[in-house]
Amino acid sequence: MFRVREEQYWIGSVTLGLLLLAGMTRPAPAATLCVNPGGTGGCYSTINAAIAAASSHDSVRVASGTYKEDVVIGKALSLVGASSSATTIDATGLSNGVYIDGLDNPGLNDVLVTGFTIKNANFEGILVTNVSSSEIYNNKVVNNDKGLDLSSSTCPGLPPFETSESDDCGEGIHLMGADHMTVANNTVTNNAGGILLSDETAITQVNLISGNTVENNPYDCGITLASHPPATGTVPFGIMHNTIFNNLSSHNGTQLPGAGAGVGLFSFLAGGTVSGNVVVGNQLTNNGLPGVTFHAHTPGEILTDNVIVGNSISGNGADTEDAATPGPTGVNVFGLSALSGTIISQNTIDNETLSVVVNTPTEVEVNLNNFLDAQFGIDNIGTGTANAPENWWGCAGGPNTPGCAASGGPKVGYAPWLSMPF
């Protein structure tokens, strides 16, 4: 009997010890810190002060008002404004409105920014470097890129890790070296450009850009996926497997010739990679360059396996310079490199002189699209092939018949065609 009691005591002691140990190691519950303009009621008067006092995974709640700061986030936390119509970060004379800095805080993830108007920064409204699994949603990002010198198209003073931003100051929202992020339901207007994904500091991959309204950004694209020279080393990191879904990109890049597309997929140096991205279900209208624009300006660039599907494209401009198209264009696939694996499908393209222009030394798949009000459904001005069966050319007779759009250039395989719109 004593032995049994002894064993029960021993088991109970071990169990109690484990429970105490579990209690000691359980993380403390996240705290909520508050900010208001007067710093009253136990709140902070500045956002940066609250962030400095916060622990990882805390929330910082910001009351209505205007906060004149360059907010820097270097830890996992939620930064929540009262609403984008009532809570403003005014970065007049400062570099950025919000900088989520994973470059100086390696491994940074789980950051949320929502509920703000962010305006008047010299460079980006929101800049993100080397951050994972974070969210930016329901913000208004307006009137940033104030450092842009329009007389010389330069932006002096950008940090050295930003390469190739001299003509736009980084745009409204800029993801650099970011992965598994969601940028959703933001309004991005009157910046030099809209939303930029680039790769100066690390690969930018598996991000979702969804439900944003990107309008009237006059000097660059609405949404850009661009492989840039790396800040260190010689080989670009790449822009890969990102999804651009259900955005409105309109009236961007209209103030300078060749300034901006609705969605641009760009590289301009050997090894630059923009691959495996999907542009789906967007409205791309009245931009200065074509609605969707591919540029690979030198041999050895890797713009492969990108899919343009289910978009509504209308009223955009012609492309320019080495990527010039013969008139206003819906989609321009230009590459001195072979843009293999490009798929253009299930789009409705109207009010364009040319629905799709192909100028690359490889095959491009173009099918199940509706070409409306176009002089040319497809114009192949390159050396590759446009494999283009089963499109609607504007009438049942098919391409090059009265009332239908024409097929231009050699190597366009358009039969069979659709006898009614897709």
Foldseek 3Di string as FASTA:
>chain_A
DVVVVVVVVVVVVVVVVVVVVCVVPDDDDAEEAEEECVCPPVHHNAPQVVLVVGDAAHEYEYEFDEHADAAEHQHAYEYAYPAQVGYEHAPAVAAESYEDDCVVRPPHENYEYEGHEFEHHLAENYEYEQYEHYEYARHEQAHYVVQQDVVVQARPDDPLLDDPCGNFRQAHYEYENYAHYEYEHYEGEHGLEAYEYEYQAAEYEHYEYEHYEFAHNAQEEHYEYEYDAHSDDGATHEYEHYEYEAYEQAHYNAPDQQGYEPYEYEYEDANYYYEHYEYAHYETEAYADANYEYEAPDERYHQEQYEYAHYEGAHYWFHDDPQTDPIFEHYEAAHQYAHYNYEYEHYEYAHGQEHYEYAYAEEHEYALYEYYHYQAPYAYPYNYAYAYEAYHQQAQVDAPDPRGHHYHDPHYRYPPYDHDHD
